[in-house]
Amino acid sequence: MRAEYDFRGGVRGKHYRAMQAGYTITIHEADGTTVVKDVIPKEGAVILEPDVRAYFPDSESVNRTLRCLIPLLPKKLKTKAKKA
């Protein structure tokens, strides 16, 4: 970041909820054309809050921790298969 950037009035996480829902990027090319890309989080994507993210630098650390917690959870009730 450049020294002249001033973030004193910034709000952390201001667009967080909107980003979870997906967003659109518009790219204006030098030749005058425009490219529009819709970005939607992948199915199953998990978004960590900033305070939690400080403890988990990567996916492996999150998965390792969750695997340790799984035995502490109550067992899932088996559901009956739905009839067609």
PDB file of N, CA and C in Angstrom:
ATOM      1  N   MET A   1       0.836  -1.181   0.000  1.00  0.00           N
ATOM      2  CA  MET A   1       0.000   0.000   0.000  1.00  0.00           C
ATOM      3  C   MET A   1       0.882   1.246   0.000  1.00  0.00           C
ATOM      4  N   ARG A   2       0.402   2.242  -0.649  1.00  0.00           N
ATOM      5  CA  ARG A   2       1.136   3.505  -0.690  1.00  0.00           C
ATOM      6  C   ARG A   2       0.875   4.302   0.577  1.00  0.00           C
ATOM      7  N   ALA A   3       1.830   5.116   0.951  1.00  0.00           N
ATOM      8  CA  ALA A   3       1.732   5.922   2.169  1.00  0.00           C
ATOM      9  C   ALA A   3       0.563   6.906   2.103  1.00  0.00           C
ATOM     10  N   GLU A   4       0.195   7.358   0.904  1.00  0.00           N
ATOM     11  CA  GLU A   4      -0.883   8.360   0.793  1.00  0.00           C
ATOM     12  C   GLU A   4      -2.288   7.772   0.954  1.00  0.00           C
ATOM     13  N   TYR A   5      -2.415   6.446   0.997  1.00  0.00           N
ATOM     14  CA  TYR A   5      -3.724   5.828   1.204  1.00  0.00           C
ATOM     15  C   TYR A   5      -4.143   6.028   2.653  1.00  0.00           C
ATOM     16  N   ASP A   6      -5.371   6.494   2.823  1.00  0.00           N
ATOM     17  CA  ASP A   6      -5.876   6.779   4.172  1.00  0.00           C
ATOM     18  C   ASP A   6      -7.107   5.920   4.432  1.00  0.00           C
ATOM     19  N   PHE A   7      -6.990   4.985   5.370  1.00  0.00           N
ATOM     20  CA  PHE A   7      -8.089   4.080   5.686  1.00  0.00           C
ATOM     21  C   PHE A   7      -8.728   4.389   7.036  1.00  0.00           C
ATOM     22  N   ARG A   8      -8.473   5.552   7.585  1.00  0.00           N
ATOM     23  CA  ARG A   8      -9.005   5.880   8.911  1.00  0.00           C
ATOM     24  C   ARG A   8     -10.528   5.859   8.959  1.00  0.00           C
ATOM     25  N   GLY A   9     -11.201   6.164   7.860  1.00  0.00           N
ATOM     26  CA  GLY A   9     -12.662   6.155   7.845  1.00  0.00           C
ATOM     27  C   GLY A   9     -13.241   4.834   7.357  1.00  0.00           C
ATOM     28  N   GLY A  10     -12.383   3.848   7.124  1.00  0.00           N
ATOM     29  CA  GLY A  10     -12.823   2.564   6.585  1.00  0.00           C
ATOM     30  C   GLY A  10     -13.607   1.742   7.598  1.00  0.00           C
ATOM     31  N   VAL A  11     -14.447   0.870   7.073  1.00  0.00           N
ATOM     32  CA  VAL A  11     -15.258  -0.019   7.913  1.00  0.00           C
ATOM     33  C   VAL A  11     -14.896  -1.451   7.556  1.00  0.00           C
ATOM     34  N   ARG A  12     -14.401  -2.199   8.522  1.00  0.00           N
ATOM     35  CA  ARG A  12     -13.998  -3.589   8.278  1.00  0.00           C
ATOM     36  C   ARG A  12     -15.238  -4.457   8.032  1.00  0.00           C
ATOM     37  N   GLY A  13     -15.200  -5.254   6.965  1.00  0.00           N
ATOM     38  CA  GLY A  13     -16.288  -6.180   6.668  1.00  0.00           C
ATOM     39  C   GLY A  13     -17.540  -5.531   6.105  1.00  0.00           C
ATOM     40  N   LYS A  14     -17.424  -4.327   5.604  1.00  0.00           N
ATOM     41  CA  LYS A  14     -18.581  -3.571   5.113  1.00  0.00           C
ATOM     42  C   LYS A  14     -19.363  -4.328   4.025  1.00  0.00           C
ATOM     43  N   HIS A  15     -18.668  -5.020   3.160  1.00  0.00           N
ATOM     44  CA  HIS A  15     -19.315  -5.713   2.042  1.00  0.00           C
ATOM     45  C   HIS A  15     -19.305  -7.230   2.199  1.00  0.00           C
ATOM     46  N   TYR A  16     -19.022  -7.704   3.386  1.00  0.00           N
ATOM     47  CA  TYR A  16     -18.857  -9.136   3.643  1.00  0.00           C
ATOM     48  C   TYR A  16     -20.090  -9.950   3.252  1.00  0.00           C
ATOM     49  N   ARG A  17     -21.269  -9.585   3.735  1.00  0.00           N
ATOM     50  CA  ARG A  17     -22.501 -10.351   3.459  1.00  0.00           C
ATOM     51  C   ARG A  17     -22.827 -10.355   1.967  1.00  0.00           C
ATOM     52  N   ALA A  18     -22.659  -9.209   1.324  1.00  0.00           N
ATOM     53  CA  ALA A  18     -22.941  -9.130  -0.109  1.00  0.00           C
ATOM     54  C   ALA A  18     -21.990 -10.024  -0.905  1.00  0.00           C
ATOM     55  N   MET A  19     -20.743 -10.106  -0.501  1.00  0.00           N
ATOM     56  CA  MET A  19     -19.768 -10.938  -1.204  1.00  0.00           C
ATOM     57  C   MET A  19     -20.121 -12.414  -1.071  1.00  0.00           C
ATOM     58  N   GLN A  20     -20.692 -12.812   0.055  1.00  0.00           N
ATOM     59  CA  GLN A  20     -21.095 -14.204   0.232  1.00  0.00           C
ATOM     60  C   GLN A  20     -22.181 -14.587  -0.756  1.00  0.00           C
ATOM     61  N   ALA A  21     -23.040 -13.644  -1.103  1.00  0.00           N
ATOM     62  CA  ALA A  21     -24.144 -13.914  -2.017  1.00  0.00           C
ATOM     63  C   ALA A  21     -23.673 -13.961  -3.470  1.00  0.00           C
ATOM     64  N   GLY A  22     -22.467 -13.476  -3.745  1.00  0.00           N
ATOM     65  CA  GLY A  22     -21.938 -13.425  -5.102  1.00  0.00           C
ATOM     66  C   GLY A  22     -21.869 -11.985  -5.585  1.00  0.00           C
ATOM     67  N   TYR A  23     -21.106 -11.777  -6.634  1.00  0.00           N
ATOM     68  CA  TYR A  23     -20.932 -10.429  -7.142  1.00  0.00           C
ATOM     69  C   TYR A  23     -20.577 -10.484  -8.615  1.00  0.00           C
ATOM     70  N   THR A  24     -20.612  -9.331  -9.258  1.00  0.00           N
ATOM     71  CA  THR A  24     -20.315  -9.231 -10.683  1.00  0.00           C
ATOM     72  C   THR A  24     -19.103  -8.327 -10.870  1.00  0.00           C
ATOM     73  N   ILE A  25     -18.192  -8.754 -11.729  1.00  0.00           N
ATOM     74  CA  ILE A  25     -17.019  -7.954 -12.074  1.00  0.00           C
ATOM     75  C   ILE A  25     -17.194  -7.504 -13.520  1.00  0.00           C
ATOM     76  N   THR A  26     -17.021  -6.214 -13.762  1.00  0.00           N
ATOM     77  CA  THR A  26     -17.069  -5.676 -15.114  1.00  0.00           C
ATOM     78  C   THR A  26     -15.671  -5.200 -15.479  1.00  0.00           C
ATOM     79  N   ILE A  27     -15.137  -5.733 -16.569  1.00  0.00           N
ATOM     80  CA  ILE A  27     -13.787  -5.382 -17.017  1.00  0.00           C
ATOM     81  C   ILE A  27     -13.918  -4.611 -18.322  1.00  0.00           C
ATOM     82  N   HIS A  28     -13.394  -3.407 -18.327  1.00  0.00           N
ATOM     83  CA  HIS A  28     -13.411  -2.567 -19.529  1.00  0.00           C
ATOM     84  C   HIS A  28     -12.054  -2.704 -20.207  1.00  0.00           C
ATOM     85  N   GLU A  29     -12.029  -3.369 -21.360  1.00  0.00           N
ATOM     86  CA  GLU A  29     -10.787  -3.621 -22.082  1.00  0.00           C
ATOM     87  C   GLU A  29     -10.334  -2.366 -22.823  1.00  0.00           C
ATOM     88  N   ALA A  30      -9.044  -2.308 -23.139  1.00  0.00           N
ATOM     89  CA  ALA A  30      -8.462  -1.158 -23.835  1.00  0.00           C
ATOM     90  C   ALA A  30      -9.058  -0.974 -25.236  1.00  0.00           C
ATOM     91  N   ASP A  31      -9.526  -2.075 -25.847  1.00  0.00           N
ATOM     92  CA  ASP A  31     -10.093  -1.978 -27.197  1.00  0.00           C
ATOM     93  C   ASP A  31     -11.562  -1.531 -27.198  1.00  0.00           C
ATOM     94  N   GLY A  32     -12.097  -1.198 -26.028  1.00  0.00           N
ATOM     95  CA  GLY A  32     -13.470  -0.711 -25.940  1.00  0.00           C
ATOM     96  C   GLY A  32     -14.492  -1.772 -25.599  1.00  0.00           C
ATOM     97  N   THR A  33     -14.099  -3.025 -25.595  1.00  0.00           N
ATOM     98  CA  THR A  33     -15.033  -4.092 -25.246  1.00  0.00           C
ATOM     99  C   THR A  33     -15.173  -4.204 -23.726  1.00  0.00           C
ATOM    100  N   THR A  34     -16.255  -4.818 -23.315  1.00  0.00           N
ATOM    101  CA  THR A  34     -16.518  -5.013 -21.896  1.00  0.00           C
ATOM    102  C   THR A  34     -16.747  -6.497 -21.633  1.00  0.00           C
ATOM    103  N   VAL A  35     -16.118  -6.999 -20.583  1.00  0.00           N
ATOM    104  CA  VAL A  35     -16.287  -8.385 -20.167  1.00  0.00           C
ATOM    105  C   VAL A  35     -16.954  -8.378 -18.798  1.00  0.00           C
ATOM    106  N   VAL A  36     -18.052  -9.111 -18.665  1.00  0.00           N
ATOM    107  CA  VAL A  36     -18.777  -9.189 -17.398  1.00  0.00           C
ATOM    108  C   VAL A  36     -18.646 -10.606 -16.859  1.00  0.00           C
ATOM    109  N   LYS A  37     -18.193 -10.721 -15.613  1.00  0.00           N
ATOM    110  CA  LYS A  37     -18.038 -12.028 -14.979  1.00  0.00           C
ATOM    111  C   LYS A  37     -18.849 -12.073 -13.692  1.00  0.00           C
ATOM    112  N   ASP A  38     -19.679 -13.097 -13.561  1.00  0.00           N
ATOM    113  CA  ASP A  38     -20.414 -13.315 -12.324  1.00  0.00           C
ATOM    114  C   ASP A  38     -19.595 -14.254 -11.444  1.00  0.00           C
ATOM    115  N   VAL A  39     -19.354 -13.856 -10.226  1.00  0.00           N
ATOM    116  CA  VAL A  39     -18.563 -14.656  -9.297  1.00  0.00           C
ATOM    117  C   VAL A  39     -19.469 -15.099  -8.164  1.00  0.00           C
ATOM    118  N   ILE A  40     -19.623 -16.400  -8.031  1.00  0.00           N
ATOM    119  CA  ILE A  40     -20.468 -16.978  -6.986  1.00  0.00           C
ATOM    120  C   ILE A  40     -19.602 -17.957  -6.198  1.00  0.00           C
ATOM    121  N   PRO A  41     -19.619 -17.872  -4.872  1.00  0.00           N
ATOM    122  CA  PRO A  41     -18.818 -18.832  -4.099  1.00  0.00           C
ATOM    123  C   PRO A  41     -19.194 -20.261  -4.467  1.00  0.00           C
ATOM    124  N   LYS A  42     -18.191 -21.139  -4.514  1.00  0.00           N
ATOM    125  CA  LYS A  42     -18.423 -22.535  -4.866  1.00  0.00           C
ATOM    126  C   LYS A  42     -19.333 -23.208  -3.847  1.00  0.00           C
ATOM    127  N   GLU A  43     -20.077 -24.205  -4.309  1.00  0.00           N
ATOM    128  CA  GLU A  43     -20.945 -24.998  -3.435  1.00  0.00           C
ATOM    129  C   GLU A  43     -20.098 -25.579  -2.312  1.00  0.00           C
ATOM    130  N   GLY A  44     -20.542 -25.402  -1.103  1.00  0.00           N
ATOM    131  CA  GLY A  44     -19.816 -25.941   0.043  1.00  0.00           C
ATOM    132  C   GLY A  44     -18.738 -25.014   0.579  1.00  0.00           C
ATOM    133  N   ALA A  45     -18.540 -23.859  -0.058  1.00  0.00           N
ATOM    134  CA  ALA A  45     -17.524 -22.917   0.422  1.00  0.00           C
ATOM    135  C   ALA A  45     -17.917 -22.407   1.800  1.00  0.00           C
ATOM    136  N   VAL A  46     -16.956 -22.297   2.660  1.00  0.00           N
ATOM    137  CA  VAL A  46     -17.184 -21.799   4.007  1.00  0.00           C
ATOM    138  C   VAL A  46     -16.396 -20.509   4.160  1.00  0.00           C
ATOM    139  N   ILE A  47     -17.058 -19.456   4.598  1.00  0.00           N
ATOM    140  CA  ILE A  47     -16.409 -18.169   4.777  1.00  0.00           C
ATOM    141  C   ILE A  47     -16.150 -17.983   6.262  1.00  0.00           C
ATOM    142  N   LEU A  48     -14.892 -17.776   6.628  1.00  0.00           N
ATOM    143  CA  LEU A  48     -14.535 -17.571   8.031  1.00  0.00           C
ATOM    144  C   LEU A  48     -14.589 -16.092   8.376  1.00  0.00           C
ATOM    145  N   GLU A  49     -15.087 -15.801   9.548  1.00  0.00           N
ATOM    146  CA  GLU A  49     -15.077 -14.432  10.050  1.00  0.00           C
ATOM    147  C   GLU A  49     -13.623 -14.037  10.318  1.00  0.00           C
ATOM    148  N   PRO A  50     -13.292 -12.746  10.222  1.00  0.00           N
ATOM    149  CA  PRO A  50     -11.906 -12.311  10.395  1.00  0.00           C
ATOM    150  C   PRO A  50     -11.277 -12.734  11.724  1.00  0.00           C
ATOM    151  N   ASP A  51     -12.036 -12.703  12.827  1.00  0.00           N
ATOM    152  CA  ASP A  51     -11.453 -13.079  14.116  1.00  0.00           C
ATOM    153  C   ASP A  51     -11.097 -14.556  14.161  1.00  0.00           C
ATOM    154  N   VAL A  52     -11.858 -15.403  13.468  1.00  0.00           N
ATOM    155  CA  VAL A  52     -11.573 -16.839  13.414  1.00  0.00           C
ATOM    156  C   VAL A  52     -10.416 -17.092  12.449  1.00  0.00           C
ATOM    157  N   ARG A  53     -10.405 -16.372  11.345  1.00  0.00           N
ATOM    158  CA  ARG A  53      -9.382 -16.545  10.317  1.00  0.00           C
ATOM    159  C   ARG A  53      -7.975 -16.319  10.882  1.00  0.00           C
ATOM    160  N   ALA A  54      -7.857 -15.481  11.895  1.00  0.00           N
ATOM    161  CA  ALA A  54      -6.547 -15.209  12.497  1.00  0.00           C
ATOM    162  C   ALA A  54      -5.914 -16.477  13.065  1.00  0.00           C
ATOM    163  N   TYR A  55      -6.730 -17.451  13.456  1.00  0.00           N
ATOM    164  CA  TYR A  55      -6.225 -18.692  14.042  1.00  0.00           C
ATOM    165  C   TYR A  55      -6.010 -19.802  13.018  1.00  0.00           C
ATOM    166  N   PHE A  56      -6.535 -19.636  11.820  1.00  0.00           N
ATOM    167  CA  PHE A  56      -6.469 -20.676  10.804  1.00  0.00           C
ATOM    168  C   PHE A  56      -5.910 -20.103   9.502  1.00  0.00           C
ATOM    169  N   PRO A  57      -4.608 -20.208   9.293  1.00  0.00           N
ATOM    170  CA  PRO A  57      -3.991 -19.603   8.114  1.00  0.00           C
ATOM    171  C   PRO A  57      -4.285 -20.321   6.796  1.00  0.00           C
ATOM    172  N   ASP A  58      -4.756 -21.593   6.866  1.00  0.00           N
ATOM    173  CA  ASP A  58      -4.991 -22.325   5.626  1.00  0.00           C
ATOM    174  C   ASP A  58      -6.070 -23.394   5.831  1.00  0.00           C
ATOM    175  N   SER A  59      -6.480 -24.020   4.742  1.00  0.00           N
ATOM    176  CA  SER A  59      -7.539 -25.027   4.779  1.00  0.00           C
ATOM    177  C   SER A  59      -7.160 -26.218   5.647  1.00  0.00           C
ATOM    178  N   GLU A  60      -5.900 -26.623   5.571  1.00  0.00           N
ATOM    179  CA  GLU A  60      -5.476 -27.790   6.337  1.00  0.00           C
ATOM    180  C   GLU A  60      -5.636 -27.571   7.836  1.00  0.00           C
ATOM    181  N   SER A  61      -5.330 -26.381   8.326  1.00  0.00           N
ATOM    182  CA  SER A  61      -5.474 -26.120   9.762  1.00  0.00           C
ATOM    183  C   SER A  61      -6.943 -26.148  10.190  1.00  0.00           C
ATOM    184  N   VAL A  62      -7.828 -25.684   9.334  1.00  0.00           N
ATOM    185  CA  VAL A  62      -9.259 -25.736   9.629  1.00  0.00           C
ATOM    186  C   VAL A  62      -9.730 -27.190   9.658  1.00  0.00           C
ATOM    187  N   ASN A  63      -9.370 -27.947   8.641  1.00  0.00           N
ATOM    188  CA  ASN A  63      -9.795 -29.350   8.559  1.00  0.00           C
ATOM    189  C   ASN A  63      -9.252 -30.175   9.719  1.00  0.00           C
ATOM    190  N   ARG A  64      -8.002 -29.958  10.089  1.00  0.00           N
ATOM    191  CA  ARG A  64      -7.388 -30.698  11.196  1.00  0.00           C
ATOM    192  C   ARG A  64      -8.150 -30.425  12.498  1.00  0.00           C
ATOM    193  N   THR A  65      -8.496 -29.169  12.737  1.00  0.00           N
ATOM    194  CA  THR A  65      -9.227 -28.805  13.944  1.00  0.00           C
ATOM    195  C   THR A  65     -10.631 -29.401  13.950  1.00  0.00           C
ATOM    196  N   LEU A  66     -11.326 -29.320  12.829  1.00  0.00           N
ATOM    197  CA  LEU A  66     -12.676 -29.870  12.760  1.00  0.00           C
ATOM    198  C   LEU A  66     -12.685 -31.382  12.937  1.00  0.00           C
ATOM    199  N   ARG A  67     -11.681 -32.050  12.399  1.00  0.00           N
ATOM    200  CA  ARG A  67     -11.602 -33.511  12.583  1.00  0.00           C
ATOM    201  C   ARG A  67     -11.441 -33.877  14.056  1.00  0.00           C
ATOM    202  N   CYS A  68     -10.750 -33.032  14.816  1.00  0.00           N
ATOM    203  CA  CYS A  68     -10.602 -33.270  16.260  1.00  0.00           C
ATOM    204  C   CYS A  68     -11.929 -33.071  17.002  1.00  0.00           C
ATOM    205  N   LEU A  69     -12.776 -32.195  16.478  1.00  0.00           N
ATOM    206  CA  LEU A  69     -14.054 -31.897  17.132  1.00  0.00           C
ATOM    207  C   LEU A  69     -15.151 -32.896  16.788  1.00  0.00           C
ATOM    208  N   ILE A  70     -15.054 -33.553  15.657  1.00  0.00           N
ATOM    209  CA  ILE A  70     -16.101 -34.469  15.209  1.00  0.00           C
ATOM    210  C   ILE A  70     -16.446 -35.528  16.254  1.00  0.00           C
ATOM    211  N   PRO A  71     -15.468 -36.175  16.913  1.00  0.00           N
ATOM    212  CA  PRO A  71     -15.827 -37.187  17.916  1.00  0.00           C
ATOM    213  C   PRO A  71     -16.621 -36.620  19.098  1.00  0.00           C
ATOM    214  N   LEU A  72     -16.565 -35.330  19.317  1.00  0.00           N
ATOM    215  CA  LEU A  72     -17.288 -34.714  20.427  1.00  0.00           C
ATOM    216  C   LEU A  72     -18.747 -34.413  20.100  1.00  0.00           C
ATOM    217  N   LEU A  73     -19.094 -34.472  18.819  1.00  0.00           N
ATOM    218  CA  LEU A  73     -20.458 -34.169  18.386  1.00  0.00           C
ATOM    219  C   LEU A  73     -21.360 -35.378  18.599  1.00  0.00           C
ATOM    220  N   PRO A  74     -22.648 -35.127  18.867  1.00  0.00           N
ATOM    221  CA  PRO A  74     -23.572 -36.257  18.985  1.00  0.00           C
ATOM    222  C   PRO A  74     -23.684 -36.963  17.636  1.00  0.00           C
ATOM    223  N   LYS A  75     -23.907 -38.250  17.689  1.00  0.00           N
ATOM    224  CA  LYS A  75     -24.037 -39.034  16.454  1.00  0.00           C
ATOM    225  C   LYS A  75     -25.283 -38.596  15.700  1.00  0.00           C
ATOM    226  N   LYS A  76     -25.175 -38.546  14.378  1.00  0.00           N
ATOM    227  CA  LYS A  76     -26.328 -38.199  13.544  1.00  0.00           C
ATOM    228  C   LYS A  76     -27.338 -39.323  13.594  1.00  0.00           C
ATOM    229  N   LEU A  77     -28.599 -38.960  13.588  1.00  0.00           N
ATOM    230  CA  LEU A  77     -29.650 -39.970  13.513  1.00  0.00           C
ATOM    231  C   LEU A  77     -29.745 -40.450  12.071  1.00  0.00           C
ATOM    232  N   LYS A  78     -29.838 -41.734  11.895  1.00  0.00           N
ATOM    233  CA  LYS A  78     -29.965 -42.272  10.550  1.00  0.00           C
ATOM    234  C   LYS A  78     -31.357 -41.950  10.028  1.00  0.00           C
ATOM    235  N   THR A  79     -31.401 -41.435   8.822  1.00  0.00           N
ATOM    236  CA  THR A  79     -32.698 -41.109   8.217  1.00  0.00           C
ATOM    237  C   THR A  79     -33.092 -42.216   7.254  1.00  0.00           C
ATOM    238  N   LYS A  80     -34.366 -42.451   7.164  1.00  0.00           N
ATOM    239  CA  LYS A  80     -34.861 -43.472   6.246  1.00  0.00           C
ATOM    240  C   LYS A  80     -34.754 -42.966   4.828  1.00  0.00           C
ATOM    241  N   ALA A  81     -34.411 -43.834   3.909  1.00  0.00           N
ATOM    242  CA  ALA A  81     -34.322 -43.467   2.513  1.00  0.00           C
ATOM    243  C   ALA A  81     -35.712 -43.085   2.004  1.00  0.00           C
ATOM    244  N   LYS A  82     -35.746 -42.029   1.206  1.00  0.00           N
ATOM    245  CA  LYS A  82     -37.024 -41.577   0.661  1.00  0.00           C
ATOM    246  C   LYS A  82     -37.466 -42.518  -0.446  1.00  0.00           C
ATOM    247  N   LYS A  83     -38.772 -42.805  -0.485  1.00  0.00           N
ATOM    248  CA  LYS A  83     -39.318 -43.644  -1.544  1.00  0.00           C
ATOM    249  C   LYS A  83     -39.529 -42.814  -2.789  1.00  0.00           C
ATOM    250  N   ALA A  84     -39.258 -43.422  -3.940  1.00  0.00           N
ATOM    251  CA  ALA A  84     -39.397 -42.706  -5.219  1.00  0.00           C
ATOM    252  C   ALA A  84     -40.832 -42.559  -5.619  1.00  0.00           C
TER     253      ALA A  84
END
